[in-house]
PDB file of N, CA and C in Angstrom:
ATOM      1  N   MET A   1      91.831  85.988 -43.659  1.00  0.00           N
ATOM      2  CA  MET A   1      92.560  85.055 -44.456  1.00  0.00           C
ATOM      3  C   MET A   1      93.765  85.784 -45.045  1.00  0.00           C
ATOM      4  N   SER A   2      94.867  85.111 -44.955  1.00  0.00           N
ATOM      5  CA  SER A   2      96.084  85.763 -45.472  1.00  0.00           C
ATOM      6  C   SER A   2      96.324  85.359 -46.903  1.00  0.00           C
ATOM      7  N   ASN A   3      96.930  86.219 -47.617  1.00  0.00           N
ATOM      8  CA  ASN A   3      97.220  85.978 -49.023  1.00  0.00           C
ATOM      9  C   ASN A   3      98.675  85.544 -49.162  1.00  0.00           C
ATOM     10  N   GLU A   4      98.964  84.382 -48.681  1.00  0.00           N
ATOM     11  CA  GLU A   4     100.331  83.879 -48.803  1.00  0.00           C
ATOM     12  C   GLU A   4     100.451  83.087 -50.082  1.00  0.00           C
ATOM     13  N   THR A   5     101.561  83.206 -50.701  1.00  0.00           N
ATOM     14  CA  THR A   5     101.827  82.474 -51.924  1.00  0.00           C
ATOM     15  C   THR A   5     102.804  81.347 -51.594  1.00  0.00           C
ATOM     16  N   VAL A   6     102.425  80.162 -52.028  1.00  0.00           N
ATOM     17  CA  VAL A   6     103.290  78.999 -51.808  1.00  0.00           C
ATOM     18  C   VAL A   6     103.745  78.547 -53.170  1.00  0.00           C
ATOM     19  N   THR A   7     105.009  78.367 -53.295  1.00  0.00           N
ATOM     20  CA  THR A   7     105.541  77.925 -54.581  1.00  0.00           C
ATOM     21  C   THR A   7     106.181  76.558 -54.418  1.00  0.00           C
ATOM     22  N   TYR A   8     105.820  75.690 -55.332  1.00  0.00           N
ATOM     23  CA  TYR A   8     106.420  74.354 -55.408  1.00  0.00           C
ATOM     24  C   TYR A   8     107.004  74.219 -56.787  1.00  0.00           C
ATOM     25  N   SER A   9     108.010  73.417 -56.845  1.00  0.00           N
ATOM     26  CA  SER A   9     108.582  73.189 -58.169  1.00  0.00           C
ATOM     27  C   SER A   9     107.668  72.235 -58.929  1.00  0.00           C
ATOM     28  N   LEU A  10     107.643  72.374 -60.213  1.00  0.00           N
ATOM     29  CA  LEU A  10     106.816  71.519 -61.062  1.00  0.00           C
ATOM     30  C   LEU A  10     107.210  70.056 -60.887  1.00  0.00           C
ATOM     31  N   GLU A  11     108.474  69.817 -60.714  1.00  0.00           N
ATOM     32  CA  GLU A  11     108.970  68.451 -60.528  1.00  0.00           C
ATOM     33  C   GLU A  11     108.413  67.841 -59.245  1.00  0.00           C
ATOM     34  N   ALA A  12     108.348  68.599 -58.180  1.00  0.00           N
ATOM     35  CA  ALA A  12     107.831  68.108 -56.913  1.00  0.00           C
ATOM     36  C   ALA A  12     106.341  67.791 -57.026  1.00  0.00           C
ATOM     37  N   VAL A  13     105.601  68.666 -57.696  1.00  0.00           N
ATOM     38  CA  VAL A  13     104.170  68.446 -57.869  1.00  0.00           C
ATOM     39  C   VAL A  13     103.929  67.195 -58.709  1.00  0.00           C
ATOM     40  N   LEU A  14     104.650  67.054 -59.805  1.00  0.00           N
ATOM     41  CA  LEU A  14     104.491  65.880 -60.670  1.00  0.00           C
ATOM     42  C   LEU A  14     104.881  64.599 -59.936  1.00  0.00           C
ATOM     43  N   THR A  15     105.896  64.659 -59.121  1.00  0.00           N
ATOM     44  CA  THR A  15     106.333  63.494 -58.353  1.00  0.00           C
ATOM     45  C   THR A  15     105.237  63.059 -57.391  1.00  0.00           C
ATOM     46  N   ARG A  16     104.607  64.017 -56.734  1.00  0.00           N
ATOM     47  CA  ARG A  16     103.509  63.683 -55.818  1.00  0.00           C
ATOM     48  C   ARG A  16     102.318  63.091 -56.576  1.00  0.00           C
ATOM     49  N   ILE A  17     102.003  63.677 -57.728  1.00  0.00           N
ATOM     50  CA  ILE A  17     100.888  63.180 -58.542  1.00  0.00           C
ATOM     51  C   ILE A  17     101.187  61.760 -59.013  1.00  0.00           C
ATOM     52  N   GLU A  18     102.405  61.522 -59.487  1.00  0.00           N
ATOM     53  CA  GLU A  18     102.782  60.178 -59.946  1.00  0.00           C
ATOM     54  C   GLU A  18     102.701  59.174 -58.791  1.00  0.00           C
ATOM     55  N   GLY A  19     103.104  59.587 -57.612  1.00  0.00           N
ATOM     56  CA  GLY A  19     103.029  58.706 -56.439  1.00  0.00           C
ATOM     57  C   GLY A  19     101.585  58.329 -56.133  1.00  0.00           C
ATOM     58  N   LYS A  20     100.713  59.320 -56.223  1.00  0.00           N
ATOM     59  CA  LYS A  20      99.297  59.050 -55.960  1.00  0.00           C
ATOM     60  C   LYS A  20      98.710  58.154 -57.043  1.00  0.00           C
ATOM     61  N   ILE A  21      99.100  58.394 -58.300  1.00  0.00           N
ATOM     62  CA  ILE A  21      98.616  57.552 -59.404  1.00  0.00           C
ATOM     63  C   ILE A  21      99.111  56.117 -59.208  1.00  0.00           C
ATOM     64  N   ASP A  22     100.375  55.956 -58.821  1.00  0.00           N
ATOM     65  CA  ASP A  22     100.920  54.611 -58.575  1.00  0.00           C
ATOM     66  C   ASP A  22     100.164  53.921 -57.446  1.00  0.00           C
ATOM     67  N   SER A  23      99.862  54.669 -56.402  1.00  0.00           N
ATOM     68  CA  SER A  23      99.117  54.112 -55.277  1.00  0.00           C
ATOM     69  C   SER A  23      97.717  53.684 -55.718  1.00  0.00           C
ATOM     70  N   LEU A  24      97.064  54.528 -56.511  1.00  0.00           N
ATOM     71  CA  LEU A  24      95.741  54.188 -57.023  1.00  0.00           C
ATOM     72  C   LEU A  24      95.794  52.955 -57.931  1.00  0.00           C
ATOM     73  N   GLN A  25      96.853  52.869 -58.748  1.00  0.00           N
ATOM     74  CA  GLN A  25      96.996  51.722 -59.644  1.00  0.00           C
ATOM     75  C   GLN A  25      97.164  50.432 -58.842  1.00  0.00           C
ATOM     76  N   ARG A  26      97.923  50.483 -57.749  1.00  0.00           N
ATOM     77  CA  ARG A  26      98.087  49.302 -56.894  1.00  0.00           C
ATOM     78  C   ARG A  26      96.737  48.898 -56.291  1.00  0.00           C
ATOM     79  N   ASP A  27      95.973  49.895 -55.865  1.00  0.00           N
ATOM     80  CA  ASP A  27      94.653  49.602 -55.298  1.00  0.00           C
ATOM     81  C   ASP A  27      93.728  48.968 -56.340  1.00  0.00           C
ATOM     82  N   VAL A  28      93.755  49.505 -57.561  1.00  0.00           N
ATOM     83  CA  VAL A  28      92.933  48.955 -58.643  1.00  0.00           C
ATOM     84  C   VAL A  28      93.355  47.519 -58.933  1.00  0.00           C
ATOM     85  N   ASN A  29      94.663  47.259 -58.954  1.00  0.00           N
ATOM     86  CA  ASN A  29      95.155  45.898 -59.202  1.00  0.00           C
ATOM     87  C   ASN A  29      94.669  44.932 -58.114  1.00  0.00           C
ATOM     88  N   LYS A  30      94.707  45.383 -56.862  1.00  0.00           N
ATOM     89  CA  LYS A  30      94.223  44.545 -55.769  1.00  0.00           C
ATOM     90  C   LYS A  30      92.732  44.260 -55.933  1.00  0.00           C
ATOM     91  N   LEU A  31      91.980  45.291 -56.324  1.00  0.00           N
ATOM     92  CA  LEU A  31      90.540  45.104 -56.539  1.00  0.00           C
ATOM     93  C   LEU A  31      90.272  44.122 -57.673  1.00  0.00           C
ATOM     94  N   GLU A  32      91.044  44.218 -58.746  1.00  0.00           N
ATOM     95  CA  GLU A  32      90.866  43.306 -59.876  1.00  0.00           C
ATOM     96  C   GLU A  32      91.172  41.870 -59.464  1.00  0.00           C
ATOM     97  N   ILE A  33      92.222  41.690 -58.668  1.00  0.00           N
ATOM     98  CA  ILE A  33      92.568  40.348 -58.189  1.00  0.00           C
ATOM     99  C   ILE A  33      91.453  39.814 -57.296  1.00  0.00           C
ATOM    100  N   GLY A  34      90.968  40.664 -56.398  1.00  0.00           N
ATOM    101  CA  GLY A  34      89.868  40.254 -55.523  1.00  0.00           C
ATOM    102  C   GLY A  34      88.621  39.915 -56.309  1.00  0.00           C
ATOM    103  N   GLN A  35      88.333  40.704 -57.328  1.00  0.00           N
ATOM    104  CA  GLN A  35      87.160  40.451 -58.164  1.00  0.00           C
ATOM    105  C   GLN A  35      87.315  39.126 -58.898  1.00  0.00           C
ATOM    106  N   SER A  36      88.500  38.848 -59.391  1.00  0.00           N
ATOM    107  CA  SER A  36      88.757  37.589 -60.084  1.00  0.00           C
ATOM    108  C   SER A  36      88.572  36.408 -59.139  1.00  0.00           C
ATOM    109  N   GLU A  37      89.060  36.546 -57.910  1.00  0.00           N
ATOM    110  CA  GLU A  37      88.893  35.482 -56.914  1.00  0.00           C
ATOM    111  C   GLU A  37      87.413  35.273 -56.600  1.00  0.00           C
ATOM    112  N   LEU A  38      86.668  36.377 -56.485  1.00  0.00           N
ATOM    113  CA  LEU A  38      85.234  36.269 -56.215  1.00  0.00           C
ATOM    114  C   LEU A  38      84.503  35.567 -57.360  1.00  0.00           C
ATOM    115  N   LYS A  39      84.895  35.871 -58.594  1.00  0.00           N
ATOM    116  CA  LYS A  39      84.258  35.208 -59.730  1.00  0.00           C
ATOM    117  C   LYS A  39      84.485  33.707 -59.661  1.00  0.00           C
ATOM    118  N   GLY A  40      85.711  33.307 -59.304  1.00  0.00           N
ATOM    119  CA  GLY A  40      86.007  31.880 -59.169  1.00  0.00           C
ATOM    120  C   GLY A  40      85.177  31.240 -58.070  1.00  0.00           C
ATOM    121  N   GLU A  41      85.043  31.925 -56.935  1.00  0.00           N
ATOM    122  CA  GLU A  41      84.255  31.391 -55.828  1.00  0.00           C
ATOM    123  C   GLU A  41      82.778  31.310 -56.192  1.00  0.00           C
ATOM    124  N   ILE A  42      82.278  32.311 -56.911  1.00  0.00           N
ATOM    125  CA  ILE A  42      80.876  32.301 -57.334  1.00  0.00           C
ATOM    126  C   ILE A  42      80.627  31.133 -58.286  1.00  0.00           C
ATOM    127  N   LYS A  43      81.576  30.902 -59.185  1.00  0.00           N
ATOM    128  CA  LYS A  43      81.434  29.788 -60.122  1.00  0.00           C
ATOM    129  C   LYS A  43      81.430  28.458 -59.364  1.00  0.00           C
ATOM    130  N   ALA A  44      82.328  28.323 -58.381  1.00  0.00           N
ATOM    131  CA  ALA A  44      82.373  27.099 -57.581  1.00  0.00           C
ATOM    132  C   ALA A  44      81.063  26.904 -56.816  1.00  0.00           C
ATOM    133  N   LEU A  45      80.525  27.992 -56.277  1.00  0.00           N
ATOM    134  CA  LEU A  45      79.246  27.902 -55.568  1.00  0.00           C
ATOM    135  C   LEU A  45      78.118  27.506 -56.523  1.00  0.00           C
ATOM    136  N   GLY A  46      78.191  27.997 -57.745  1.00  0.00           N
ATOM    137  CA  GLY A  46      77.187  27.625 -58.747  1.00  0.00           C
ATOM    138  C   GLY A  46      77.192  26.126 -58.995  1.00  0.00           C
ATOM    139  N   PHE A  47      78.401  25.535 -59.091  1.00  0.00           N
ATOM    140  CA  PHE A  47      78.500  24.085 -59.283  1.00  0.00           C
ATOM    141  C   PHE A  47      77.944  23.345 -58.067  1.00  0.00           C
ATOM    142  N   LYS A  48      78.218  23.860 -56.874  1.00  0.00           N
ATOM    143  CA  LYS A  48      77.695  23.220 -55.664  1.00  0.00           C
ATOM    144  C   LYS A  48      76.177  23.290 -55.631  1.00  0.00           C
ATOM    145  N   VAL A  49      75.614  24.421 -56.018  1.00  0.00           N
ATOM    146  CA  VAL A  49      74.157  24.570 -56.027  1.00  0.00           C
ATOM    147  C   VAL A  49      73.541  23.602 -57.034  1.00  0.00           C
ATOM    148  N   GLU A  50      74.181  23.443 -58.199  1.00  0.00           N
ATOM    149  CA  GLU A  50      73.676  22.498 -59.191  1.00  0.00           C
ATOM    150  C   GLU A  50      73.688  21.081 -58.622  1.00  0.00           C
ATOM    151  N   GLY A  51      74.768  20.745 -57.916  1.00  0.00           N
ATOM    152  CA  GLY A  51      74.854  19.418 -57.303  1.00  0.00           C
ATOM    153  C   GLY A  51      73.782  19.215 -56.251  1.00  0.00           C
ATOM    154  N   ILE A  52      73.540  20.248 -55.461  1.00  0.00           N
ATOM    155  CA  ILE A  52      72.507  20.164 -54.430  1.00  0.00           C
ATOM    156  C   ILE A  52      71.141  20.025 -55.087  1.00  0.00           C
ATOM    157  N   ASP A  53      70.907  20.747 -56.180  1.00  0.00           N
ATOM    158  CA  ASP A  53      69.625  20.644 -56.893  1.00  0.00           C
ATOM    159  C   ASP A  53      69.399  19.218 -57.394  1.00  0.00           C
ATOM    160  N   LYS A  54      70.446  18.614 -57.956  1.00  0.00           N
ATOM    161  CA  LYS A  54      70.318  17.244 -58.466  1.00  0.00           C
ATOM    162  C   LYS A  54      70.038  16.272 -57.331  1.00  0.00           C
ATOM    163  N   ARG A  55      70.745  16.446 -56.210  1.00  0.00           N
ATOM    164  CA  ARG A  55      70.519  15.558 -55.066  1.00  0.00           C
ATOM    165  C   ARG A  55      69.111  15.745 -54.510  1.00  0.00           C
ATOM    166  N   LEU A  56      68.644  16.990 -54.441  1.00  0.00           N
ATOM    167  CA  LEU A  56      67.293  17.266 -53.945  1.00  0.00           C
ATOM    168  C   LEU A  56      66.246  16.641 -54.862  1.00  0.00           C
ATOM    169  N   GLU A  57      66.462  16.740 -56.159  1.00  0.00           N
ATOM    170  CA  GLU A  57      65.529  16.138 -57.107  1.00  0.00           C
ATOM    171  C   GLU A  57      65.481  14.622 -56.911  1.00  0.00           C
ATOM    172  N   LYS A  58      66.641  14.022 -56.684  1.00  0.00           N
ATOM    173  CA  LYS A  58      66.704  12.576 -56.452  1.00  0.00           C
ATOM    174  C   LYS A  58      65.951  12.214 -55.171  1.00  0.00           C
ATOM    175  N   VAL A  59      66.150  13.000 -54.118  1.00  0.00           N
ATOM    176  CA  VAL A  59      65.452  12.750 -52.850  1.00  0.00           C
ATOM    177  C   VAL A  59      63.939  12.895 -53.040  1.00  0.00           C
ATOM    178  N   GLU A  60      63.518  13.913 -53.791  1.00  0.00           N
ATOM    179  CA  GLU A  60      62.093  14.101 -54.034  1.00  0.00           C
ATOM    180  C   GLU A  60      61.501  12.927 -54.802  1.00  0.00           C
ATOM    181  N   ASN A  61      62.251  12.411 -55.788  1.00  0.00           N
ATOM    182  CA  ASN A  61      61.772  11.254 -56.546  1.00  0.00           C
ATOM    183  C   ASN A  61      61.660  10.030 -55.643  1.00  0.00           C
ATOM    184  N   GLU A  62      62.678   9.816 -54.804  1.00  0.00           N
ATOM    185  CA  GLU A  62      62.645   8.680 -53.885  1.00  0.00           C
ATOM    186  C   GLU A  62      61.496   8.832 -52.888  1.00  0.00           C
ATOM    187  N   GLN A  63      61.258  10.051 -52.434  1.00  0.00           N
ATOM    188  CA  GLN A  63      60.157  10.295 -51.504  1.00  0.00           C
ATOM    189  C   GLN A  63      58.827   9.956 -52.177  1.00  0.00           C
ATOM    190  N   SER A  64      58.685  10.337 -53.430  1.00  0.00           N
ATOM    191  CA  SER A  64      57.455  10.047 -54.164  1.00  0.00           C
ATOM    192  C   SER A  64      57.244   8.534 -54.273  1.00  0.00           C
ATOM    193  N   VAL A  65      58.314   7.803 -54.560  1.00  0.00           N
ATOM    194  CA  VAL A  65      58.213   6.347 -54.664  1.00  0.00           C
ATOM    195  C   VAL A  65      57.837   5.748 -53.309  1.00  0.00           C
ATOM    196  N   LEU A  66      58.451   6.248 -52.240  1.00  0.00           N
ATOM    197  CA  LEU A  66      58.141   5.734 -50.902  1.00  0.00           C
ATOM    198  C   LEU A  66      56.695   6.019 -50.516  1.00  0.00           C
ATOM    199  N   VAL A  67      56.218   7.215 -50.827  1.00  0.00           N
ATOM    200  CA  VAL A  67      54.833   7.557 -50.507  1.00  0.00           C
ATOM    201  C   VAL A  67      53.884   6.629 -51.254  1.00  0.00           C
ATOM    202  N   LYS A  68      54.170   6.349 -52.523  1.00  0.00           N
ATOM    203  CA  LYS A  68      53.325   5.444 -53.302  1.00  0.00           C
ATOM    204  C   LYS A  68      53.385   4.038 -52.720  1.00  0.00           C
ATOM    205  N   SER A  69      54.575   3.585 -52.330  1.00  0.00           N
ATOM    206  CA  SER A  69      54.708   2.245 -51.748  1.00  0.00           C
ATOM    207  C   SER A  69      53.934   2.135 -50.442  1.00  0.00           C
ATOM    208  N   ILE A  70      54.023   3.159 -49.617  1.00  0.00           N
ATOM    209  CA  ILE A  70      53.280   3.161 -48.347  1.00  0.00           C
ATOM    210  C   ILE A  70      51.781   3.143 -48.619  1.00  0.00           C
ATOM    211  N   SER A  71      51.366   3.911 -49.596  1.00  0.00           N
ATOM    212  CA  SER A  71      49.944   3.938 -49.954  1.00  0.00           C
ATOM    213  C   SER A  71      49.488   2.557 -50.424  1.00  0.00           C
ATOM    214  N   ASP A  72      50.325   1.904 -51.246  1.00  0.00           N
ATOM    215  CA  ASP A  72      49.992   0.561 -51.723  1.00  0.00           C
ATOM    216  C   ASP A  72      49.909  -0.424 -50.554  1.00  0.00           C
ATOM    217  N   LEU A  73      50.841  -0.312 -49.615  1.00  0.00           N
ATOM    218  CA  LEU A  73      50.828  -1.201 -48.450  1.00  0.00           C
ATOM    219  C   LEU A  73      49.585  -0.973 -47.596  1.00  0.00           C
ATOM    220  N   GLN A  74      49.192   0.283 -47.453  1.00  0.00           N
ATOM    221  CA  GLN A  74      47.991   0.572 -46.674  1.00  0.00           C
ATOM    222  C   GLN A  74      46.762  -0.015 -47.364  1.00  0.00           C
ATOM    223  N   GLY A  75      46.738   0.052 -48.673  1.00  0.00           N
ATOM    224  CA  GLY A  75      45.632  -0.553 -49.418  1.00  0.00           C
ATOM    225  C   GLY A  75      45.620  -2.056 -49.258  1.00  0.00           C
ATOM    226  N   PHE A  76      46.794  -2.662 -49.274  1.00  0.00           N
ATOM    227  CA  PHE A  76      46.899  -4.114 -49.090  1.00  0.00           C
ATOM    228  C   PHE A  76      46.464  -4.517 -47.685  1.00  0.00           C
ATOM    229  N   ARG A  77      46.829  -3.689 -46.706  1.00  0.00           N
ATOM    230  CA  ARG A  77      46.439  -3.960 -45.331  1.00  0.00           C
ATOM    231  C   ARG A  77      44.918  -3.994 -45.214  1.00  0.00           C
ATOM    232  N   GLY A  78      44.250  -3.147 -45.989  1.00  0.00           N
ATOM    233  CA  GLY A  78      42.791  -3.142 -45.992  1.00  0.00           C
ATOM    234  C   GLY A  78      42.208  -4.419 -46.586  1.00  0.00           C
ATOM    235  N   LEU A  79      42.985  -5.127 -47.407  1.00  0.00           N
ATOM    236  CA  LEU A  79      42.507  -6.377 -48.003  1.00  0.00           C
ATOM    237  C   LEU A  79      42.776  -7.591 -47.123  1.00  0.00           C
ATOM    238  N   ILE A  80      43.696  -7.450 -46.182  1.00  0.00           N
ATOM    239  CA  ILE A  80      44.081  -8.603 -45.361  1.00  0.00           C
ATOM    240  C   ILE A  80      42.898  -9.120 -44.552  1.00  0.00           C
ATOM    241  N   LEU A  81      42.179  -8.241 -43.885  1.00  0.00           N
ATOM    242  CA  LEU A  81      41.051  -8.672 -43.052  1.00  0.00           C
ATOM    243  C   LEU A  81      39.991  -9.410 -43.870  1.00  0.00           C
ATOM    244  N   PRO A  82      39.561  -8.889 -45.011  1.00  0.00           N
ATOM    245  CA  PRO A  82      38.585  -9.656 -45.802  1.00  0.00           C
ATOM    246  C   PRO A  82      39.134 -11.011 -46.250  1.00  0.00           C
ATOM    247  N   LEU A  83      40.432 -11.075 -46.566  1.00  0.00           N
ATOM    248  CA  LEU A  83      41.017 -12.358 -46.968  1.00  0.00           C
ATOM    249  C   LEU A  83      41.003 -13.343 -45.803  1.00  0.00           C
ATOM    250  N   ILE A  84      41.334 -12.870 -44.616  1.00  0.00           N
ATOM    251  CA  ILE A  84      41.330 -13.743 -43.442  1.00  0.00           C
ATOM    252  C   ILE A  84      39.908 -14.227 -43.142  1.00  0.00           C
ATOM    253  N   VAL A  85      38.962 -13.307 -43.159  1.00  0.00           N
ATOM    254  CA  VAL A  85      37.566 -13.676 -42.902  1.00  0.00           C
ATOM    255  C   VAL A  85      37.084 -14.664 -43.955  1.00  0.00           C
ATOM    256  N   GLY A  86      37.434 -14.401 -45.211  1.00  0.00           N
ATOM    257  CA  GLY A  86      37.031 -15.316 -46.286  1.00  0.00           C
ATOM    258  C   GLY A  86      37.666 -16.679 -46.115  1.00  0.00           C
ATOM    259  N   GLY A  87      38.933 -16.703 -45.714  1.00  0.00           N
ATOM    260  CA  GLY A  87      39.611 -17.982 -45.497  1.00  0.00           C
ATOM    261  C   GLY A  87      38.997 -18.752 -44.343  1.00  0.00           C
ATOM    262  N   ILE A  88      38.697 -18.069 -43.270  1.00  0.00           N
ATOM    263  CA  ILE A  88      38.074 -18.717 -42.103  1.00  0.00           C
ATOM    264  C   ILE A  88      36.687 -19.238 -42.484  1.00  0.00           C
ATOM    265  N   SER A  89      35.947 -18.409 -43.222  1.00  0.00           N
ATOM    266  CA  SER A  89      34.603 -18.836 -43.646  1.00  0.00           C
ATOM    267  C   SER A  89      34.687 -20.070 -44.529  1.00  0.00           C
ATOM    268  N   ALA A  90      35.645 -20.068 -45.448  1.00  0.00           N
ATOM    269  CA  ALA A  90      35.803 -21.222 -46.327  1.00  0.00           C
ATOM    270  C   ALA A  90      36.199 -22.449 -45.524  1.00  0.00           C
ATOM    271  N   GLY A  91      37.069 -22.268 -44.545  1.00  0.00           N
ATOM    272  CA  GLY A  91      37.480 -23.390 -43.698  1.00  0.00           C
ATOM    273  C   GLY A  91      36.326 -23.937 -42.886  1.00  0.00           C
ATOM    274  N   ILE A  92      35.550 -23.044 -42.302  1.00  0.00           N
ATOM    275  CA  ILE A  92      34.395 -23.472 -41.508  1.00  0.00           C
ATOM    276  C   ILE A  92      33.379 -24.178 -42.407  1.00  0.00           C
ATOM    277  N   GLY A  93      33.176 -23.601 -43.597  1.00  0.00           N
ATOM    278  CA  GLY A  93      32.244 -24.234 -44.547  1.00  0.00           C
ATOM    279  C   GLY A  93      32.715 -25.625 -44.935  1.00  0.00           C
ATOM    280  N   ALA A  94      34.017 -25.774 -45.141  1.00  0.00           N
ATOM    281  CA  ALA A  94      34.568 -27.078 -45.507  1.00  0.00           C
ATOM    282  C   ALA A  94      34.388 -28.064 -44.365  1.00  0.00           C
ATOM    283  N   ILE A  95      34.651 -27.615 -43.142  1.00  0.00           N
ATOM    284  CA  ILE A  95      34.505 -28.493 -41.981  1.00  0.00           C
ATOM    285  C   ILE A  95      33.043 -28.920 -41.825  1.00  0.00           C
ATOM    286  N   ILE A  96      32.117 -27.987 -41.994  1.00  0.00           N
ATOM    287  CA  ILE A  96      30.694 -28.309 -41.875  1.00  0.00           C
ATOM    288  C   ILE A  96      30.286 -29.295 -42.970  1.00  0.00           C
ATOM    289  N   THR A  97      30.764 -29.029 -44.196  1.00  0.00           N
ATOM    290  CA  THR A  97      30.441 -29.922 -45.318  1.00  0.00           C
ATOM    291  C   THR A  97      30.968 -31.317 -45.061  1.00  0.00           C
ATOM    292  N   VAL A  98      32.206 -31.447 -44.615  1.00  0.00           N
ATOM    293  CA  VAL A  98      32.807 -32.756 -44.351  1.00  0.00           C
ATOM    294  C   VAL A  98      32.066 -33.436 -43.202  1.00  0.00           C
ATOM    295  N   SER A  99      31.684 -32.672 -42.190  1.00  0.00           N
ATOM    296  CA  SER A  99      30.956 -33.241 -41.048  1.00  0.00           C
ATOM    297  C   SER A  99      29.609 -33.800 -41.492  1.00  0.00           C
ATOM    298  N   ILE A 100      28.906 -33.029 -42.294  1.00  0.00           N
ATOM    299  CA  ILE A 100      27.575 -33.471 -42.758  1.00  0.00           C
ATOM    300  C   ILE A 100      27.730 -34.712 -43.625  1.00  0.00           C
ATOM    301  N   ARG A 101      28.675 -34.705 -44.546  1.00  0.00           N
ATOM    302  CA  ARG A 101      28.877 -35.861 -45.419  1.00  0.00           C
ATOM    303  C   ARG A 101      29.301 -37.074 -44.591  1.00  0.00           C
ATOM    304  N   PHE A 102      30.160 -36.861 -43.630  1.00  0.00           N
ATOM    305  CA  PHE A 102      30.619 -37.975 -42.809  1.00  0.00           C
ATOM    306  C   PHE A 102      29.471 -38.552 -41.986  1.00  0.00           C
ATOM    307  N   SER A 103      28.634 -37.635 -41.454  1.00  0.00           N
ATOM    308  CA  SER A 103      27.496 -38.130 -40.666  1.00  0.00           C
ATOM    309  C   SER A 103      26.479 -38.819 -41.568  1.00  0.00           C
ATOM    310  N   LEU A 104      26.278 -38.367 -42.779  1.00  0.00           N
ATOM    311  CA  LEU A 104      25.356 -39.006 -43.700  1.00  0.00           C
ATOM    312  C   LEU A 104      25.900 -40.360 -44.160  1.00  0.00           C
ATOM    313  N   LEU A 105      27.204 -40.410 -44.392  1.00  0.00           N
ATOM    314  CA  LEU A 105      27.798 -41.660 -44.844  1.00  0.00           C
ATOM    315  C   LEU A 105      27.869 -42.687 -43.709  1.00  0.00           C
ATOM    316  N   SER A 106      28.071 -42.208 -42.525  1.00  0.00           N
ATOM    317  CA  SER A 106      28.148 -43.149 -41.401  1.00  0.00           C
ATOM    318  C   SER A 106      26.756 -43.656 -41.026  1.00  0.00           C
ATOM    319  N   GLY A 107      25.716 -42.902 -41.350  1.00  0.00           N
ATOM    320  CA  GLY A 107      24.346 -43.309 -41.081  1.00  0.00           C
ATOM    321  C   GLY A 107      23.878 -44.333 -42.074  1.00  0.00           C
ATOM    322  N   ASN A 108      24.391 -44.350 -43.280  1.00  0.00           N
ATOM    323  CA  ASN A 108      24.002 -45.316 -44.322  1.00  0.00           C
ATOM    324  C   ASN A 108      25.163 -46.261 -44.591  1.00  0.00           C
ATOM    325  N   PRO A 109      24.981 -47.557 -44.172  1.00  0.00           N
ATOM    326  CA  PRO A 109      26.093 -48.487 -44.392  1.00  0.00           C
ATOM    327  C   PRO A 109      26.217 -48.995 -45.778  1.00  0.00           C
TER     328      PRO A 109
END
């Protein structure tokens, strides 16, 4: 290794240091601007997520109502057959009753 001495003027060294500081300051400014933009985007995304949460809650409530309505309809469907059978039985009973009364009345003048 050689022992060479390099001399620079103080002004030249300070000029280089100031240039590097200016460059670093520009980079920091760009980072701050980018960070500010990211904060705005994060805030906007937060509002979108809140909106999605509200819409999801509404869909869940509507789904719950639909499930209950379907359950009620299925229960009603279970009542239809007994109602039909009961109606037919009542009709047949009425026809038999009218037939018997008519035959009894026609037999006795």
